[in-house]
């Protein structure tokens, strides 16, 4: 069983790290928030946040990768 877990853990860590784009330096990276509709930390470090009152909207390129804050207590 132990011999099975090591390759699985390595594969899992590679897939988690692969979610951070190559242009983002990962040395000392604490969190990566790509604004993809939630406040999940995609770096694999588990530093997830929460969205309260903001809504997802289009960025300047038309992608659903930005949050809209209406100025009334959004956090």
PDB file of N, CA and C in Angstrom:
ATOM      1  N   UNK A   1       0.831  -1.200   0.000  1.00  0.00           N
ATOM      2  CA  UNK A   1       0.000   0.000   0.000  1.00  0.00           C
ATOM      3  C   UNK A   1       0.867   1.252   0.000  1.00  0.00           C
ATOM      4  N   UNK A   2       1.930   1.225   0.770  1.00  0.00           N
ATOM      5  CA  UNK A   2       2.810   2.390   0.878  1.00  0.00           C
ATOM      6  C   UNK A   2       3.458   2.735  -0.458  1.00  0.00           C
ATOM      7  N   UNK A   3       3.793   1.703  -1.247  1.00  0.00           N
ATOM      8  CA  UNK A   3       4.418   1.929  -2.551  1.00  0.00           C
ATOM      9  C   UNK A   3       3.437   2.544  -3.536  1.00  0.00           C
ATOM     10  N   UNK A   4       2.167   2.362  -3.327  1.00  0.00           N
ATOM     11  CA  UNK A   4       1.146   2.950  -4.181  1.00  0.00           C
ATOM     12  C   UNK A   4       0.925   4.425  -3.845  1.00  0.00           C
ATOM     13  N   UNK A   5       1.006   4.785  -2.588  1.00  0.00           N
ATOM     14  CA  UNK A   5       0.696   6.146  -2.167  1.00  0.00           C
ATOM     15  C   UNK A   5       1.729   7.168  -2.627  1.00  0.00           C
ATOM     16  N   UNK A   6       3.007   6.808  -2.640  1.00  0.00           N
ATOM     17  CA  UNK A   6       4.035   7.762  -3.046  1.00  0.00           C
ATOM     18  C   UNK A   6       3.855   8.234  -4.482  1.00  0.00           C
ATOM     19  N   UNK A   7       3.713   7.339  -5.471  1.00  0.00           N
ATOM     20  CA  UNK A   7       3.482   7.839  -6.837  1.00  0.00           C
ATOM     21  C   UNK A   7       2.192   8.643  -6.955  1.00  0.00           C
ATOM     22  N   UNK A   8       1.142   8.230  -6.242  1.00  0.00           N
ATOM     23  CA  UNK A   8      -0.115   8.965  -6.278  1.00  0.00           C
ATOM     24  C   UNK A   8       0.063  10.372  -5.714  1.00  0.00           C
ATOM     25  N   UNK A   9       0.786  10.504  -4.611  1.00  0.00           N
ATOM     26  CA  UNK A   9       1.027  11.814  -4.003  1.00  0.00           C
ATOM     27  C   UNK A   9       1.860  12.694  -4.929  1.00  0.00           C
ATOM     28  N   UNK A  10       2.846  12.129  -5.586  1.00  0.00           N
ATOM     29  CA  UNK A  10       3.662  12.899  -6.527  1.00  0.00           C
ATOM     30  C   UNK A  10       2.831  13.376  -7.715  1.00  0.00           C
ATOM     31  N   UNK A  11       2.002  12.495  -8.236  1.00  0.00           N
ATOM     32  CA  UNK A  11       1.135  12.865  -9.351  1.00  0.00           C
ATOM     33  C   UNK A  11       0.165  13.968  -8.951  1.00  0.00           C
ATOM     34  N   UNK A  12      -0.391  13.865  -7.763  1.00  0.00           N
ATOM     35  CA  UNK A  12      -1.318  14.880  -7.274  1.00  0.00           C
ATOM     36  C   UNK A  12      -0.622  16.225  -7.117  1.00  0.00           C
ATOM     37  N   UNK A  13       0.587  16.239  -6.575  1.00  0.00           N
ATOM     38  CA  UNK A  13       1.298  17.502  -6.381  1.00  0.00           C
ATOM     39  C   UNK A  13       1.668  18.142  -7.706  1.00  0.00           C
ATOM     40  N   UNK A  14       2.014  17.337  -8.708  1.00  0.00           N
ATOM     41  CA  UNK A  14       2.325  17.879 -10.031  1.00  0.00           C
ATOM     42  C   UNK A  14       1.086  18.474 -10.662  1.00  0.00           C
ATOM     43  N   UNK A  15      -0.055  17.808 -10.527  1.00  0.00           N
ATOM     44  CA  UNK A  15      -1.282  18.343 -11.136  1.00  0.00           C
ATOM     45  C   UNK A  15      -1.723  19.625 -10.448  1.00  0.00           C
ATOM     46  N   UNK A  16      -1.528  19.745  -9.144  1.00  0.00           N
ATOM     47  CA  UNK A  16      -1.883  20.972  -8.446  1.00  0.00           C
ATOM     48  C   UNK A  16      -0.967  22.118  -8.856  1.00  0.00           C
ATOM     49  N   UNK A  17       0.316  21.870  -8.953  1.00  0.00           N
ATOM     50  CA  UNK A  17       1.269  22.901  -9.336  1.00  0.00           C
ATOM     51  C   UNK A  17       1.076  23.324 -10.784  1.00  0.00           C
ATOM     52  N   UNK A  18       0.570  22.434 -11.615  1.00  0.00           N
ATOM     53  CA  UNK A  18       0.381  22.738 -13.028  1.00  0.00           C
ATOM     54  C   UNK A  18      -0.711  23.768 -13.252  1.00  0.00           C
ATOM     55  N   UNK A  19      -1.530  24.043 -12.255  1.00  0.00           N
ATOM     56  CA  UNK A  19      -2.610  25.005 -12.418  1.00  0.00           C
ATOM     57  C   UNK A  19      -2.120  26.446 -12.347  1.00  0.00           C
ATOM     58  N   UNK A  20      -0.944  26.663 -11.804  1.00  0.00           N
ATOM     59  CA  UNK A  20      -0.372  28.004 -11.737  1.00  0.00           C
ATOM     60  C   UNK A  20       0.339  28.264 -13.062  1.00  0.00           C
ATOM     61  N   UNK A  21       0.006  29.352 -13.773  1.00  0.00           N
ATOM     62  CA  UNK A  21       0.634  29.625 -15.061  1.00  0.00           C
ATOM     63  C   UNK A  21       2.152  29.776 -14.942  1.00  0.00           C
ATOM     64  N   UNK A  22       2.833  29.492 -16.018  1.00  0.00           N
ATOM     65  CA  UNK A  22       4.293  29.514 -16.018  1.00  0.00           C
ATOM     66  C   UNK A  22       4.861  30.909 -15.776  1.00  0.00           C
ATOM     67  N   UNK A  23       4.100  31.959 -16.046  1.00  0.00           N
ATOM     68  CA  UNK A  23       4.610  33.317 -15.843  1.00  0.00           C
ATOM     69  C   UNK A  23       4.548  33.768 -14.380  1.00  0.00           C
ATOM     70  N   UNK A  24       3.955  32.952 -13.518  1.00  0.00           N
ATOM     71  CA  UNK A  24       3.869  33.282 -12.096  1.00  0.00           C
ATOM     72  C   UNK A  24       5.020  32.585 -11.365  1.00  0.00           C
ATOM     73  N   UNK A  25       5.906  33.349 -10.713  1.00  0.00           N
ATOM     74  CA  UNK A  25       6.989  32.702  -9.961  1.00  0.00           C
ATOM     75  C   UNK A  25       6.422  31.931  -8.775  1.00  0.00           C
ATOM     76  N   UNK A  26       6.834  30.685  -8.623  1.00  0.00           N
ATOM     77  CA  UNK A  26       6.290  29.846  -7.558  1.00  0.00           C
ATOM     78  C   UNK A  26       7.205  29.752  -6.350  1.00  0.00           C
ATOM     79  N   UNK A  27       8.393  30.309  -6.429  1.00  0.00           N
ATOM     80  CA  UNK A  27       9.302  30.281  -5.289  1.00  0.00           C
ATOM     81  C   UNK A  27       8.747  31.183  -4.193  1.00  0.00           C
ATOM     82  N   UNK A  28       8.287  30.600  -3.108  1.00  0.00           N
ATOM     83  CA  UNK A  28       7.698  31.361  -2.015  1.00  0.00           C
ATOM     84  C   UNK A  28       6.235  31.716  -2.235  1.00  0.00           C
ATOM     85  N   UNK A  29       5.607  31.158  -3.269  1.00  0.00           N
ATOM     86  CA  UNK A  29       4.201  31.445  -3.555  1.00  0.00           C
ATOM     87  C   UNK A  29       3.319  30.968  -2.404  1.00  0.00           C
ATOM     88  N   UNK A  30       2.494  31.843  -1.901  1.00  0.00           N
ATOM     89  CA  UNK A  30       1.600  31.519  -0.787  1.00  0.00           C
ATOM     90  C   UNK A  30       0.207  31.180  -1.306  1.00  0.00           C
ATOM     91  N   UNK A  31      -0.253  31.891  -2.333  1.00  0.00           N
ATOM     92  CA  UNK A  31      -1.587  31.659  -2.880  1.00  0.00           C
ATOM     93  C   UNK A  31      -1.634  32.149  -4.320  1.00  0.00           C
ATOM     94  N   UNK A  32      -2.561  31.588  -5.093  1.00  0.00           N
ATOM     95  CA  UNK A  32      -2.804  32.021  -6.469  1.00  0.00           C
ATOM     96  C   UNK A  32      -4.304  32.057  -6.672  1.00  0.00           C
ATOM     97  N   UNK A  33      -4.838  33.266  -6.888  1.00  0.00           N
ATOM     98  CA  UNK A  33      -6.273  33.466  -7.089  1.00  0.00           C
ATOM     99  C   UNK A  33      -6.501  33.933  -8.524  1.00  0.00           C
ATOM    100  N   UNK A  34      -6.907  33.044  -9.423  1.00  0.00           N
ATOM    101  CA  UNK A  34      -7.062  33.428 -10.832  1.00  0.00           C
ATOM    102  C   UNK A  34      -8.375  34.132 -11.168  1.00  0.00           C
ATOM    103  N   UNK A  35      -9.212  34.438 -10.183  1.00  0.00           N
ATOM    104  CA  UNK A  35     -10.504  35.095 -10.419  1.00  0.00           C
ATOM    105  C   UNK A  35     -11.329  34.311 -11.435  1.00  0.00           C
ATOM    106  N   UNK A  36     -11.559  33.053 -11.141  1.00  0.00           N
ATOM    107  CA  UNK A  36     -12.317  32.195 -12.042  1.00  0.00           C
ATOM    108  C   UNK A  36     -13.710  31.872 -11.498  1.00  0.00           C
ATOM    109  N   UNK A  37     -14.273  32.792 -10.735  1.00  0.00           N
ATOM    110  CA  UNK A  37     -15.632  32.619 -10.239  1.00  0.00           C
ATOM    111  C   UNK A  37     -15.714  32.276  -8.768  1.00  0.00           C
ATOM    112  N   UNK A  38     -14.573  32.109  -8.125  1.00  0.00           N
ATOM    113  CA  UNK A  38     -14.572  31.804  -6.696  1.00  0.00           C
ATOM    114  C   UNK A  38     -13.298  32.400  -6.082  1.00  0.00           C
ATOM    115  N   UNK A  39     -13.089  32.172  -4.827  1.00  0.00           N
ATOM    116  CA  UNK A  39     -11.900  32.685  -4.142  1.00  0.00           C
ATOM    117  C   UNK A  39     -11.014  31.534  -3.683  1.00  0.00           C
ATOM    118  N   UNK A  40     -10.984  30.476  -4.483  1.00  0.00           N
ATOM    119  CA  UNK A  40     -10.161  29.329  -4.142  1.00  0.00           C
ATOM    120  C   UNK A  40      -8.699  29.583  -4.497  1.00  0.00           C
ATOM    121  N   UNK A  41      -7.819  29.169  -3.615  1.00  0.00           N
ATOM    122  CA  UNK A  41      -6.377  29.242  -3.826  1.00  0.00           C
ATOM    123  C   UNK A  41      -5.982  28.100  -4.752  1.00  0.00           C
ATOM    124  N   UNK A  42      -5.606  28.415  -5.984  1.00  0.00           N
ATOM    125  CA  UNK A  42      -5.265  27.394  -6.972  1.00  0.00           C
ATOM    126  C   UNK A  42      -3.801  26.982  -6.901  1.00  0.00           C
ATOM    127  N   UNK A  43      -3.046  27.494  -5.924  1.00  0.00           N
ATOM    128  CA  UNK A  43      -1.642  27.107  -5.786  1.00  0.00           C
ATOM    129  C   UNK A  43      -1.493  25.745  -5.150  1.00  0.00           C
ATOM    130  N   UNK A  44      -2.550  25.254  -4.529  1.00  0.00           N
ATOM    131  CA  UNK A  44      -2.472  23.990  -3.831  1.00  0.00           C
ATOM    132  C   UNK A  44      -2.125  24.151  -2.359  1.00  0.00           C
ATOM    133  N   UNK A  45      -1.966  25.389  -1.891  1.00  0.00           N
ATOM    134  CA  UNK A  45      -1.616  25.634  -0.494  1.00  0.00           C
ATOM    135  C   UNK A  45      -2.826  25.714   0.424  1.00  0.00           C
ATOM    136  N   UNK A  46      -4.035  25.734  -0.150  1.00  0.00           N
ATOM    137  CA  UNK A  46      -5.247  25.703   0.657  1.00  0.00           C
ATOM    138  C   UNK A  46      -5.626  27.011   1.323  1.00  0.00           C
ATOM    139  N   UNK A  47      -5.119  28.133   0.826  1.00  0.00           N
ATOM    140  CA  UNK A  47      -5.454  29.439   1.406  1.00  0.00           C
ATOM    141  C   UNK A  47      -6.683  30.020   0.716  1.00  0.00           C
ATOM    142  N   UNK A  48      -7.778  29.282   0.779  1.00  0.00           N
ATOM    143  CA  UNK A  48      -9.018  29.691   0.128  1.00  0.00           C
ATOM    144  C   UNK A  48      -9.659  30.866   0.857  1.00  0.00           C
ATOM    145  N   UNK A  49     -10.292  31.724   0.088  1.00  0.00           N
ATOM    146  CA  UNK A  49     -11.027  32.844   0.650  1.00  0.00           C
ATOM    147  C   UNK A  49     -12.508  32.626   0.447  1.00  0.00           C
ATOM    148  N   UNK A  50     -13.274  33.665   0.626  1.00  0.00           N
ATOM    149  CA  UNK A  50     -14.708  33.598   0.360  1.00  0.00           C
ATOM    150  C   UNK A  50     -15.133  34.901  -0.303  1.00  0.00           C
ATOM    151  N   UNK A  51     -16.119  34.811  -1.155  1.00  0.00           N
ATOM    152  CA  UNK A  51     -16.658  35.975  -1.854  1.00  0.00           C
ATOM    153  C   UNK A  51     -17.939  36.374  -1.150  1.00  0.00           C
ATOM    154  N   UNK A  52     -18.032  37.642  -0.762  1.00  0.00           N
ATOM    155  CA  UNK A  52     -19.194  38.114  -0.036  1.00  0.00           C
ATOM    156  C   UNK A  52     -19.751  39.350  -0.723  1.00  0.00           C
ATOM    157  N   UNK A  53     -20.809  39.166  -1.506  1.00  0.00           N
ATOM    158  CA  UNK A  53     -21.483  40.285  -2.128  1.00  0.00           C
ATOM    159  C   UNK A  53     -20.970  40.689  -3.492  1.00  0.00           C
ATOM    160  N   UNK A  54     -19.779  40.294  -3.876  1.00  0.00           N
ATOM    161  CA  UNK A  54     -19.256  40.625  -5.201  1.00  0.00           C
ATOM    162  C   UNK A  54     -19.784  39.611  -6.203  1.00  0.00           C
ATOM    163  N   UNK A  55     -19.850  40.014  -7.454  1.00  0.00           N
ATOM    164  CA  UNK A  55     -20.320  39.087  -8.486  1.00  0.00           C
ATOM    165  C   UNK A  55     -19.278  38.979  -9.585  1.00  0.00           C
ATOM    166  N   UNK A  56     -19.238  37.827 -10.233  1.00  0.00           N
ATOM    167  CA  UNK A  56     -18.291  37.612 -11.322  1.00  0.00           C
ATOM    168  C   UNK A  56     -18.754  38.398 -12.538  1.00  0.00           C
ATOM    169  N   UNK A  57     -17.793  38.964 -13.275  1.00  0.00           N
ATOM    170  CA  UNK A  57     -18.107  39.752 -14.459  1.00  0.00           C
ATOM    171  C   UNK A  57     -16.993  39.592 -15.487  1.00  0.00           C
ATOM    172  N   UNK A  58     -17.179  40.158 -16.646  1.00  0.00           N
ATOM    173  CA  UNK A  58     -16.184  40.065 -17.712  1.00  0.00           C
ATOM    174  C   UNK A  58     -15.008  40.978 -17.431  1.00  0.00           C
ATOM    175  N   UNK A  59     -13.811  40.481 -17.752  1.00  0.00           N
ATOM    176  CA  UNK A  59     -12.624  41.327 -17.664  1.00  0.00           C
ATOM    177  C   UNK A  59     -12.464  42.104 -18.968  1.00  0.00           C
ATOM    178  N   UNK A  60     -11.374  42.809 -19.124  1.00  0.00           N
ATOM    179  CA  UNK A  60     -11.179  43.649 -20.317  1.00  0.00           C
ATOM    180  C   UNK A  60     -11.077  42.843 -21.606  1.00  0.00           C
ATOM    181  N   UNK A  61     -10.815  41.528 -21.488  1.00  0.00           N
ATOM    182  CA  UNK A  61     -10.709  40.666 -22.658  1.00  0.00           C
ATOM    183  C   UNK A  61     -11.974  39.861 -22.916  1.00  0.00           C
ATOM    184  N   UNK A  62     -13.012  40.103 -22.131  1.00  0.00           N
ATOM    185  CA  UNK A  62     -14.273  39.404 -22.311  1.00  0.00           C
ATOM    186  C   UNK A  62     -14.358  38.076 -21.580  1.00  0.00           C
ATOM    187  N   UNK A  63     -13.341  37.734 -20.801  1.00  0.00           N
ATOM    188  CA  UNK A  63     -13.361  36.495 -20.023  1.00  0.00           C
ATOM    189  C   UNK A  63     -14.068  36.722 -18.694  1.00  0.00           C
ATOM    190  N   UNK A  64     -14.742  35.708 -18.199  1.00  0.00           N
ATOM    191  CA  UNK A  64     -15.397  35.786 -16.890  1.00  0.00           C
ATOM    192  C   UNK A  64     -14.328  35.603 -15.808  1.00  0.00           C
ATOM    193  N   UNK A  65     -13.469  36.607 -15.666  1.00  0.00           N
ATOM    194  CA  UNK A  65     -12.314  36.508 -14.760  1.00  0.00           C
ATOM    195  C   UNK A  65     -12.125  37.767 -13.937  1.00  0.00           C
ATOM    196  N   UNK A  66     -13.210  38.399 -13.557  1.00  0.00           N
ATOM    197  CA  UNK A  66     -13.123  39.609 -12.739  1.00  0.00           C
ATOM    198  C   UNK A  66     -14.317  39.634 -11.788  1.00  0.00           C
ATOM    199  N   UNK A  67     -14.163  40.382 -10.721  1.00  0.00           N
ATOM    200  CA  UNK A  67     -15.267  40.555  -9.765  1.00  0.00           C
ATOM    201  C   UNK A  67     -15.766  41.983  -9.821  1.00  0.00           C
ATOM    202  N   UNK A  68     -17.082  42.163  -9.673  1.00  0.00           N
ATOM    203  CA  UNK A  68     -17.698  43.477  -9.623  1.00  0.00           C
ATOM    204  C   UNK A  68     -18.077  43.761  -8.168  1.00  0.00           C
ATOM    205  N   UNK A  69     -17.584  44.881  -7.669  1.00  0.00           N
ATOM    206  CA  UNK A  69     -17.915  45.338  -6.314  1.00  0.00           C
ATOM    207  C   UNK A  69     -18.779  46.584  -6.461  1.00  0.00           C
ATOM    208  N   UNK A  70     -19.969  46.582  -5.869  1.00  0.00           N
ATOM    209  CA  UNK A  70     -20.883  47.710  -6.069  1.00  0.00           C
ATOM    210  C   UNK A  70     -20.650  48.848  -5.091  1.00  0.00           C
ATOM    211  N   UNK A  71     -19.708  48.705  -4.164  1.00  0.00           N
ATOM    212  CA  UNK A  71     -19.399  49.788  -3.225  1.00  0.00           C
ATOM    213  C   UNK A  71     -20.285  49.828  -2.003  1.00  0.00           C
ATOM    214  N   UNK A  72     -21.142  48.867  -1.835  1.00  0.00           N
ATOM    215  CA  UNK A  72     -22.050  48.845  -0.684  1.00  0.00           C
ATOM    216  C   UNK A  72     -21.711  47.705   0.256  1.00  0.00           C
ATOM    217  N   UNK A  73     -20.508  47.739   0.805  1.00  0.00           N
ATOM    218  CA  UNK A  73     -20.112  46.748   1.796  1.00  0.00           C
ATOM    219  C   UNK A  73     -19.577  45.437   1.253  1.00  0.00           C
ATOM    220  N   UNK A  74     -19.288  45.384  -0.056  1.00  0.00           N
ATOM    221  CA  UNK A  74     -18.686  44.160  -0.595  1.00  0.00           C
ATOM    222  C   UNK A  74     -17.311  43.961   0.011  1.00  0.00           C
ATOM    223  N   UNK A  75     -16.994  42.694   0.249  1.00  0.00           N
ATOM    224  CA  UNK A  75     -15.687  42.381   0.824  1.00  0.00           C
ATOM    225  C   UNK A  75     -14.954  41.420  -0.055  1.00  0.00           C
TER     226      UNK A  75
END
